[in-house]
Amino acid sequence: MGEIKAINIKDTFGKATDEAIRKAIEAVKKERAELIILDKKPGRPTKYSQKICELLPSLFSNGESVSEVCACLDITKETFFQWVKTYPEFSDSYKKGLELSESWWTRLGRLGSTGKLRVQPATWIFKMKNRFGWKDRHEFTGDVGVSITTPEERRRRLEELTQKATGES
């Protein structure tokens, strides 16, 4: 036979389908090559394990960031977020971990605002806005105008104001 042709028949989710295997064999037959089917994605084996998934929430429990957790796990942030996309249980653990981290920072702010801890308010506010999406809440009191949301309401209101301005009824 001719040259050896290696084909990875797994898709991005690591699943080999009968259709992918059939197409790979046909491609090799056309080229009169020998077939080697790779059962794994090429590259280094993953460090991911169920143990890491179970441990993940506790790694955030003292307010740690994703960067700190990645350093602890000896992985990159790119790998971390790939695991979040690939493994649903890891994604759930990450969400729980973020809640623990936000809770830790919220408690710190509460203790700081009651004088039980010395906390730099500006730093704390900056942290909460940037890490957890907190925003300043804007509340309006009194009459700030009419909220018109649909085109029909806008047209009707414009007609009312026009009639009022021209003295028509």
N, C-alpha and C. Protein backbone atom coordinates (compact mmCIF):
# COMPACT_ATOMS: atom_id res chain seq x y z
N MET A 1 0.84 -1.19 0.00
CA MET A 1 0.00 0.00 0.00
C MET A 1 0.87 1.24 0.00
N GLY A 2 0.23 2.40 -0.03
CA GLY A 2 0.94 3.67 -0.09
C GLY A 2 1.30 4.21 1.28
N GLU A 3 1.19 5.53 1.40
CA GLU A 3 1.57 6.19 2.66
C GLU A 3 0.56 5.90 3.76
N ILE A 4 1.01 6.11 4.97
CA ILE A 4 0.13 5.91 6.12
C ILE A 4 -0.58 7.24 6.38
N LYS A 5 -1.88 7.17 6.57
CA LYS A 5 -2.67 8.37 6.83
C LYS A 5 -3.35 8.21 8.18
N ALA A 6 -3.11 9.18 9.08
CA ALA A 6 -3.73 9.16 10.41
C ALA A 6 -4.89 10.14 10.40
N ILE A 7 -6.00 9.70 10.92
CA ILE A 7 -7.19 10.54 10.95
C ILE A 7 -7.78 10.50 12.34
N ASN A 8 -8.03 11.69 12.88
CA ASN A 8 -8.70 11.78 14.16
C ASN A 8 -10.20 11.80 13.88
N ILE A 9 -10.91 10.80 14.31
CA ILE A 9 -12.32 10.69 13.98
C ILE A 9 -13.22 11.21 15.10
N LYS A 10 -12.64 11.85 16.08
CA LYS A 10 -13.46 12.42 17.15
C LYS A 10 -13.72 13.89 16.88
N ASP A 11 -14.95 14.31 17.18
CA ASP A 11 -15.30 15.71 16.99
C ASP A 11 -14.83 16.54 18.19
N THR A 12 -15.22 17.80 18.21
CA THR A 12 -14.75 18.69 19.28
C THR A 12 -15.25 18.28 20.66
N PHE A 13 -16.28 17.47 20.72
CA PHE A 13 -16.80 17.00 22.00
C PHE A 13 -16.24 15.63 22.37
N GLY A 14 -15.31 15.13 21.57
CA GLY A 14 -14.67 13.85 21.87
C GLY A 14 -15.51 12.65 21.52
N LYS A 15 -16.47 12.80 20.61
CA LYS A 15 -17.34 11.68 20.24
C LYS A 15 -17.01 11.20 18.83
N ALA A 16 -16.80 9.90 18.70
CA ALA A 16 -16.57 9.30 17.38
C ALA A 16 -17.91 8.80 16.87
N THR A 17 -18.26 9.19 15.65
CA THR A 17 -19.52 8.74 15.08
C THR A 17 -19.25 7.73 13.98
N ASP A 18 -20.22 6.87 13.73
CA ASP A 18 -20.08 5.88 12.65
C ASP A 18 -19.86 6.58 11.31
N GLU A 19 -20.55 7.68 11.12
CA GLU A 19 -20.43 8.43 9.87
C GLU A 19 -19.01 8.96 9.69
N ALA A 20 -18.41 9.48 10.76
CA ALA A 20 -17.05 10.01 10.68
C ALA A 20 -16.05 8.88 10.37
N ILE A 21 -16.24 7.72 10.96
CA ILE A 21 -15.36 6.58 10.72
C ILE A 21 -15.50 6.12 9.26
N ARG A 22 -16.74 6.03 8.77
CA ARG A 22 -16.98 5.60 7.38
C ARG A 22 -16.31 6.56 6.40
N LYS A 23 -16.46 7.87 6.62
CA LYS A 23 -15.84 8.85 5.73
C LYS A 23 -14.32 8.75 5.77
N ALA A 24 -13.77 8.51 6.94
CA ALA A 24 -12.31 8.39 7.06
C ALA A 24 -11.81 7.19 6.27
N ILE A 25 -12.51 6.07 6.36
CA ILE A 25 -12.11 4.86 5.64
C ILE A 25 -12.22 5.07 4.13
N GLU A 26 -13.29 5.71 3.68
CA GLU A 26 -13.45 6.00 2.25
C GLU A 26 -12.33 6.90 1.73
N ALA A 27 -11.98 7.92 2.50
CA ALA A 27 -10.91 8.85 2.10
C ALA A 27 -9.59 8.11 1.95
N VAL A 28 -9.31 7.21 2.83
CA VAL A 28 -8.06 6.46 2.79
C VAL A 28 -8.05 5.49 1.59
N LYS A 29 -9.20 4.84 1.34
CA LYS A 29 -9.28 3.92 0.20
C LYS A 29 -9.03 4.65 -1.12
N LYS A 30 -9.58 5.85 -1.26
CA LYS A 30 -9.39 6.64 -2.48
C LYS A 30 -7.92 6.93 -2.71
N GLU A 31 -7.21 7.21 -1.66
CA GLU A 31 -5.80 7.59 -1.77
C GLU A 31 -4.87 6.38 -1.70
N ARG A 32 -5.43 5.19 -1.58
CA ARG A 32 -4.63 3.96 -1.47
C ARG A 32 -3.59 4.07 -0.37
N ALA A 33 -4.04 4.53 0.76
CA ALA A 33 -3.16 4.70 1.92
C ALA A 33 -3.56 3.71 3.00
N GLU A 34 -2.69 3.52 3.95
CA GLU A 34 -3.03 2.70 5.11
C GLU A 34 -3.69 3.61 6.14
N LEU A 35 -4.62 3.04 6.88
CA LEU A 35 -5.41 3.83 7.80
C LEU A 35 -4.99 3.60 9.25
N ILE A 36 -4.79 4.69 9.94
CA ILE A 36 -4.61 4.64 11.38
C ILE A 36 -5.65 5.59 11.95
N ILE A 37 -6.54 5.07 12.76
CA ILE A 37 -7.56 5.92 13.37
C ILE A 37 -7.11 6.27 14.78
N LEU A 38 -7.01 7.56 15.01
CA LEU A 38 -6.63 8.02 16.34
C LEU A 38 -7.90 8.11 17.18
N ASP A 39 -7.87 7.47 18.32
CA ASP A 39 -9.03 7.42 19.18
C ASP A 39 -9.08 8.61 20.13
N LYS A 40 -8.05 9.41 20.19
CA LYS A 40 -7.99 10.54 21.11
C LYS A 40 -7.61 11.79 20.35
N LYS A 41 -7.90 12.93 20.97
CA LYS A 41 -7.41 14.18 20.41
C LYS A 41 -5.91 14.20 20.59
N PRO A 42 -5.19 14.75 19.61
CA PRO A 42 -3.75 14.83 19.78
C PRO A 42 -3.40 15.84 20.88
N GLY A 43 -2.25 15.67 21.47
CA GLY A 43 -1.80 16.61 22.50
C GLY A 43 -1.66 15.95 23.85
N ARG A 44 -1.33 16.78 24.81
CA ARG A 44 -1.10 16.31 26.16
C ARG A 44 -2.41 15.85 26.80
N PRO A 45 -2.38 14.83 27.64
CA PRO A 45 -3.61 14.40 28.31
C PRO A 45 -4.10 15.50 29.26
N THR A 46 -5.41 15.55 29.45
CA THR A 46 -6.01 16.57 30.30
C THR A 46 -5.72 16.31 31.78
N LYS A 47 -5.65 17.39 32.54
CA LYS A 47 -5.50 17.28 33.99
C LYS A 47 -6.86 17.18 34.66
N TYR A 48 -7.91 17.38 33.88
CA TYR A 48 -9.25 17.39 34.44
C TYR A 48 -9.59 16.06 35.08
N SER A 49 -10.22 16.14 36.23
CA SER A 49 -10.73 14.94 36.90
C SER A 49 -11.94 15.31 37.73
N GLN A 50 -12.70 14.32 38.10
CA GLN A 50 -13.88 14.52 38.93
C GLN A 50 -13.47 15.09 40.30
N LYS A 51 -12.30 14.73 40.78
CA LYS A 51 -11.78 15.23 42.06
C LYS A 51 -11.63 16.76 42.01
N ILE A 52 -11.09 17.27 40.91
CA ILE A 52 -10.94 18.73 40.75
C ILE A 52 -12.31 19.38 40.76
N CYS A 53 -13.26 18.78 40.08
CA CYS A 53 -14.62 19.30 40.02
C CYS A 53 -15.23 19.40 41.42
N GLU A 54 -15.02 18.38 42.24
CA GLU A 54 -15.56 18.36 43.60
C GLU A 54 -14.85 19.38 44.50
N LEU A 55 -13.57 19.60 44.25
CA LEU A 55 -12.75 20.50 45.06
C LEU A 55 -12.97 21.97 44.70
N LEU A 56 -13.41 22.23 43.47
CA LEU A 56 -13.47 23.58 42.93
C LEU A 56 -14.19 24.61 43.80
N PRO A 57 -15.42 24.36 44.28
CA PRO A 57 -16.08 25.40 45.08
C PRO A 57 -15.25 25.84 46.29
N SER A 58 -14.62 24.91 46.96
CA SER A 58 -13.84 25.26 48.15
C SER A 58 -12.62 26.11 47.81
N LEU A 59 -12.14 26.02 46.58
CA LEU A 59 -10.99 26.84 46.17
C LEU A 59 -11.36 28.32 46.05
N PHE A 60 -12.66 28.61 45.96
CA PHE A 60 -13.14 29.99 45.88
C PHE A 60 -13.63 30.52 47.23
N SER A 61 -13.64 29.69 48.26
CA SER A 61 -14.35 30.01 49.50
C SER A 61 -13.77 31.17 50.31
N ASN A 62 -12.55 31.60 50.03
CA ASN A 62 -11.99 32.75 50.73
C ASN A 62 -11.86 33.95 49.80
N GLY A 63 -12.79 34.05 48.84
CA GLY A 63 -12.83 35.20 47.95
C GLY A 63 -11.87 35.13 46.78
N GLU A 64 -11.28 33.97 46.53
CA GLU A 64 -10.29 33.84 45.45
C GLU A 64 -10.89 34.14 44.09
N SER A 65 -10.02 34.58 43.19
CA SER A 65 -10.40 34.85 41.81
C SER A 65 -10.09 33.62 40.96
N VAL A 66 -10.54 33.66 39.71
CA VAL A 66 -10.25 32.56 38.78
C VAL A 66 -8.74 32.41 38.61
N SER A 67 -8.02 33.52 38.52
CA SER A 67 -6.56 33.46 38.37
C SER A 67 -5.90 32.72 39.53
N GLU A 68 -6.36 33.01 40.74
CA GLU A 68 -5.79 32.34 41.91
C GLU A 68 -6.10 30.85 41.90
N VAL A 69 -7.32 30.50 41.51
CA VAL A 69 -7.69 29.09 41.46
C VAL A 69 -6.89 28.37 40.37
N CYS A 70 -6.71 29.03 39.23
CA CYS A 70 -5.91 28.43 38.15
C CYS A 70 -4.47 28.20 38.61
N ALA A 71 -3.91 29.14 39.34
CA ALA A 71 -2.55 28.97 39.86
C ALA A 71 -2.49 27.79 40.80
N CYS A 72 -3.51 27.64 41.62
CA CYS A 72 -3.56 26.51 42.55
C CYS A 72 -3.65 25.17 41.81
N LEU A 73 -4.42 25.14 40.73
CA LEU A 73 -4.59 23.91 39.94
C LEU A 73 -3.48 23.69 38.92
N ASP A 74 -2.62 24.69 38.76
CA ASP A 74 -1.52 24.65 37.79
C ASP A 74 -2.05 24.48 36.36
N ILE A 75 -3.06 25.31 36.04
CA ILE A 75 -3.61 25.33 34.68
C ILE A 75 -3.74 26.79 34.25
N THR A 76 -3.96 27.00 32.96
CA THR A 76 -4.17 28.37 32.46
C THR A 76 -5.65 28.72 32.55
N LYS A 77 -5.94 30.03 32.45
CA LYS A 77 -7.34 30.45 32.45
C LYS A 77 -8.04 29.93 31.19
N GLU A 78 -7.30 29.84 30.10
CA GLU A 78 -7.87 29.29 28.86
C GLU A 78 -8.36 27.86 29.09
N THR A 79 -7.53 27.05 29.74
CA THR A 79 -7.91 25.67 30.06
C THR A 79 -9.12 25.66 30.99
N PHE A 80 -9.10 26.52 32.01
CA PHE A 80 -10.19 26.60 32.97
C PHE A 80 -11.52 26.84 32.26
N PHE A 81 -11.55 27.86 31.40
CA PHE A 81 -12.80 28.19 30.73
C PHE A 81 -13.18 27.18 29.65
N GLN A 82 -12.21 26.45 29.12
CA GLN A 82 -12.53 25.35 28.20
C GLN A 82 -13.23 24.24 28.97
N TRP A 83 -12.76 23.96 30.19
CA TRP A 83 -13.41 22.96 31.04
C TRP A 83 -14.83 23.39 31.38
N VAL A 84 -15.02 24.69 31.63
CA VAL A 84 -16.36 25.21 31.94
C VAL A 84 -17.30 24.91 30.77
N LYS A 85 -16.82 25.09 29.53
CA LYS A 85 -17.64 24.83 28.34
C LYS A 85 -17.85 23.33 28.11
N THR A 86 -16.82 22.53 28.38
CA THR A 86 -16.84 21.11 28.02
C THR A 86 -17.54 20.23 29.05
N TYR A 87 -17.35 20.52 30.32
CA TYR A 87 -17.87 19.66 31.39
C TYR A 87 -18.96 20.37 32.18
N PRO A 88 -20.23 19.97 32.01
CA PRO A 88 -21.34 20.63 32.73
C PRO A 88 -21.17 20.61 34.24
N GLU A 89 -20.64 19.51 34.78
CA GLU A 89 -20.47 19.43 36.24
C GLU A 89 -19.40 20.41 36.72
N PHE A 90 -18.39 20.67 35.89
CA PHE A 90 -17.36 21.65 36.23
C PHE A 90 -17.97 23.05 36.20
N SER A 91 -18.81 23.31 35.21
CA SER A 91 -19.49 24.60 35.10
C SER A 91 -20.34 24.86 36.34
N ASP A 92 -21.08 23.84 36.80
CA ASP A 92 -21.90 23.98 38.01
C ASP A 92 -21.03 24.25 39.23
N SER A 93 -19.91 23.54 39.35
CA SER A 93 -19.00 23.75 40.47
C SER A 93 -18.41 25.15 40.44
N TYR A 94 -18.11 25.64 39.24
CA TYR A 94 -17.58 27.00 39.08
C TYR A 94 -18.61 28.02 39.55
N LYS A 95 -19.88 27.84 39.17
CA LYS A 95 -20.93 28.77 39.60
C LYS A 95 -21.07 28.77 41.12
N LYS A 96 -21.01 27.59 41.73
CA LYS A 96 -21.06 27.51 43.20
C LYS A 96 -19.86 28.22 43.82
N GLY A 97 -18.71 28.02 43.21
CA GLY A 97 -17.49 28.66 43.69
C GLY A 97 -17.58 30.18 43.61
N LEU A 98 -18.12 30.69 42.50
CA LEU A 98 -18.28 32.14 42.35
C LEU A 98 -19.22 32.69 43.42
N GLU A 99 -20.27 31.95 43.73
CA GLU A 99 -21.20 32.38 44.78
C GLU A 99 -20.49 32.43 46.13
N LEU A 100 -19.64 31.45 46.40
CA LEU A 100 -18.88 31.45 47.66
C LEU A 100 -17.92 32.62 47.71
N SER A 101 -17.27 32.91 46.59
CA SER A 101 -16.34 34.03 46.53
C SER A 101 -17.07 35.35 46.74
N GLU A 102 -18.20 35.53 46.06
CA GLU A 102 -18.98 36.76 46.23
C GLU A 102 -19.49 36.88 47.66
N SER A 103 -19.90 35.77 48.24
CA SER A 103 -20.36 35.78 49.63
C SER A 103 -19.26 36.23 50.57
N TRP A 104 -18.04 35.75 50.34
CA TRP A 104 -16.90 36.13 51.18
C TRP A 104 -16.67 37.64 51.09
N TRP A 105 -16.68 38.18 49.87
CA TRP A 105 -16.46 39.61 49.68
C TRP A 105 -17.62 40.43 50.23
N THR A 106 -18.85 39.93 50.12
CA THR A 106 -20.01 40.63 50.67
C THR A 106 -19.90 40.72 52.19
N ARG A 107 -19.52 39.62 52.81
CA ARG A 107 -19.34 39.60 54.28
C ARG A 107 -18.26 40.59 54.69
N LEU A 108 -17.18 40.63 53.91
CA LEU A 108 -16.10 41.58 54.20
C LEU A 108 -16.62 43.02 54.17
N GLY A 109 -17.42 43.35 53.17
CA GLY A 109 -18.00 44.68 53.07
C GLY A 109 -18.94 44.98 54.22
N ARG A 110 -19.74 43.99 54.61
CA ARG A 110 -20.67 44.17 55.74
C ARG A 110 -19.90 44.43 57.03
N LEU A 111 -18.86 43.64 57.28
CA LEU A 111 -18.05 43.83 58.48
C LEU A 111 -17.33 45.17 58.45
N GLY A 112 -16.90 45.57 57.27
CA GLY A 112 -16.24 46.87 57.14
C GLY A 112 -17.19 48.02 57.38
N SER A 113 -18.42 47.90 56.88
CA SER A 113 -19.39 49.00 57.04
C SER A 113 -19.89 49.12 58.47
N THR A 114 -19.79 48.06 59.26
CA THR A 114 -20.21 48.13 60.66
C THR A 114 -19.04 48.44 61.59
N GLY A 115 -17.86 48.60 61.03
CA GLY A 115 -16.69 48.95 61.83
C GLY A 115 -16.01 47.77 62.50
N LYS A 116 -16.43 46.57 62.21
CA LYS A 116 -15.82 45.38 62.83
C LYS A 116 -14.49 45.02 62.18
N LEU A 117 -14.29 45.45 60.93
CA LEU A 117 -13.04 45.26 60.22
C LEU A 117 -12.66 46.57 59.54
N ARG A 118 -11.40 46.74 59.34
CA ARG A 118 -10.96 47.93 58.62
C ARG A 118 -10.85 47.57 57.14
N VAL A 119 -11.70 48.21 56.35
CA VAL A 119 -11.79 47.93 54.92
C VAL A 119 -11.72 49.25 54.16
N GLN A 120 -10.97 49.26 53.06
CA GLN A 120 -10.92 50.43 52.19
C GLN A 120 -12.18 50.42 51.32
N PRO A 121 -13.13 51.32 51.56
CA PRO A 121 -14.41 51.27 50.83
C PRO A 121 -14.24 51.34 49.31
N ALA A 122 -13.40 52.22 48.82
CA ALA A 122 -13.25 52.37 47.36
C ALA A 122 -12.72 51.08 46.73
N THR A 123 -11.77 50.46 47.40
CA THR A 123 -11.21 49.19 46.89
C THR A 123 -12.28 48.11 46.89
N TRP A 124 -13.06 48.05 47.97
CA TRP A 124 -14.10 47.03 48.07
C TRP A 124 -15.15 47.25 46.97
N ILE A 125 -15.58 48.48 46.78
CA ILE A 125 -16.58 48.79 45.75
C ILE A 125 -16.05 48.43 44.37
N PHE A 126 -14.80 48.79 44.10
CA PHE A 126 -14.16 48.47 42.82
C PHE A 126 -14.17 46.96 42.59
N LYS A 127 -13.81 46.21 43.61
CA LYS A 127 -13.79 44.74 43.53
C LYS A 127 -15.18 44.19 43.19
N MET A 128 -16.19 44.67 43.89
CA MET A 128 -17.54 44.14 43.70
C MET A 128 -18.08 44.47 42.30
N LYS A 129 -17.81 45.67 41.82
CA LYS A 129 -18.28 46.06 40.50
C LYS A 129 -17.59 45.26 39.40
N ASN A 130 -16.29 45.09 39.52
CA ASN A 130 -15.53 44.44 38.46
C ASN A 130 -15.60 42.92 38.50
N ARG A 131 -15.61 42.34 39.68
CA ARG A 131 -15.62 40.88 39.75
C ARG A 131 -17.01 40.29 39.68
N PHE A 132 -17.99 40.99 40.24
CA PHE A 132 -19.31 40.39 40.37
C PHE A 132 -20.42 41.17 39.68
N GLY A 133 -20.04 42.19 38.90
CA GLY A 133 -21.01 42.92 38.11
C GLY A 133 -21.94 43.83 38.91
N TRP A 134 -21.54 44.17 40.13
CA TRP A 134 -22.37 45.08 40.91
C TRP A 134 -22.41 46.43 40.22
N LYS A 135 -23.53 47.16 40.41
CA LYS A 135 -23.69 48.48 39.81
C LYS A 135 -24.28 49.41 40.85
N ASP A 136 -24.05 50.69 40.64
CA ASP A 136 -24.74 51.67 41.47
C ASP A 136 -26.20 51.66 41.04
N ARG A 137 -27.09 51.66 42.01
CA ARG A 137 -28.51 51.65 41.68
C ARG A 137 -28.97 53.10 41.60
N HIS A 138 -29.66 53.42 40.55
CA HIS A 138 -30.19 54.77 40.38
C HIS A 138 -31.69 54.72 40.60
N GLU A 139 -32.14 55.41 41.64
CA GLU A 139 -33.57 55.47 41.91
C GLU A 139 -34.05 56.88 41.66
N PHE A 140 -35.21 56.99 41.04
CA PHE A 140 -35.80 58.29 40.76
C PHE A 140 -37.04 58.45 41.61
N THR A 141 -37.20 59.62 42.17
CA THR A 141 -38.41 59.90 42.94
C THR A 141 -39.15 61.02 42.26
N GLY A 142 -40.46 61.02 42.43
CA GLY A 142 -41.26 62.07 41.81
C GLY A 142 -41.57 61.73 40.37
N ASP A 143 -42.16 62.70 39.67
CA ASP A 143 -42.57 62.51 38.29
C ASP A 143 -41.39 62.80 37.37
N VAL A 144 -40.89 61.76 36.75
CA VAL A 144 -39.76 61.93 35.83
C VAL A 144 -40.20 61.80 34.39
N GLY A 145 -41.51 61.85 34.16
CA GLY A 145 -42.01 61.74 32.80
C GLY A 145 -42.77 60.45 32.60
N VAL A 146 -43.28 60.32 31.43
CA VAL A 146 -44.07 59.15 31.10
C VAL A 146 -43.19 58.16 30.35
N SER A 147 -43.24 56.94 30.78
CA SER A 147 -42.48 55.90 30.10
C SER A 147 -43.35 55.31 29.00
N ILE A 148 -42.95 55.52 27.77
CA ILE A 148 -43.72 55.03 26.63
C ILE A 148 -42.86 54.00 25.92
N THR A 149 -43.40 52.80 25.81
CA THR A 149 -42.56 51.73 25.28
C THR A 149 -42.92 51.27 23.88
N THR A 150 -44.19 51.39 23.50
CA THR A 150 -44.55 50.88 22.17
C THR A 150 -44.73 52.03 21.18
N PRO A 151 -44.57 51.77 19.89
CA PRO A 151 -44.77 52.82 18.89
C PRO A 151 -46.19 53.41 18.93
N GLU A 152 -47.20 52.55 19.17
CA GLU A 152 -48.59 53.03 19.25
C GLU A 152 -48.75 54.01 20.40
N GLU A 153 -48.16 53.71 21.55
CA GLU A 153 -48.24 54.60 22.70
C GLU A 153 -47.54 55.93 22.41
N ARG A 154 -46.41 55.86 21.72
CA ARG A 154 -45.69 57.09 21.37
C ARG A 154 -46.51 57.96 20.42
N ARG A 155 -47.13 57.34 19.40
CA ARG A 155 -47.96 58.08 18.45
C ARG A 155 -49.14 58.74 19.16
N ARG A 156 -49.83 57.97 20.03
CA ARG A 156 -50.98 58.48 20.75
C ARG A 156 -50.58 59.65 21.66
N ARG A 157 -49.46 59.50 22.35
CA ARG A 157 -48.99 60.56 23.24
C ARG A 157 -48.59 61.81 22.44
N LEU A 158 -47.97 61.61 21.29
CA LEU A 158 -47.59 62.74 20.44
C LEU A 158 -48.83 63.48 19.94
N GLU A 159 -49.86 62.73 19.55
CA GLU A 159 -51.12 63.35 19.12
C GLU A 159 -51.75 64.15 20.26
N GLU A 160 -51.75 63.59 21.47
CA GLU A 160 -52.30 64.28 22.64
C GLU A 160 -51.57 65.59 22.88
N LEU A 161 -50.24 65.55 22.83
CA LEU A 161 -49.44 66.75 23.09
C LEU A 161 -49.63 67.78 21.98
N THR A 162 -49.76 67.31 20.73
CA THR A 162 -49.98 68.22 19.59
C THR A 162 -51.33 68.91 19.71
N GLN A 163 -52.38 68.14 20.06
CA GLN A 163 -53.70 68.71 20.23
C GLN A 163 -53.72 69.72 21.37
N LYS A 164 -53.03 69.39 22.45
CA LYS A 164 -52.95 70.28 23.60
C LYS A 164 -52.26 71.58 23.22
N ALA A 165 -51.21 71.50 22.45
CA ALA A 165 -50.42 72.66 22.06
C ALA A 165 -51.19 73.56 21.08
N THR A 166 -51.98 72.96 20.22
CA THR A 166 -52.72 73.74 19.22
C THR A 166 -54.08 74.16 19.74
N GLY A 167 -54.49 73.68 20.89
CA GLY A 167 -55.77 74.06 21.50
C GLY A 167 -56.92 73.27 20.95
N GLU A 168 -56.68 72.20 20.23
CA GLU A 168 -57.75 71.36 19.70
C GLU A 168 -58.20 70.38 20.77
N SER A 169 -59.42 69.90 20.62
CA SER A 169 -59.92 68.89 21.54
C SER A 169 -60.33 67.66 20.81
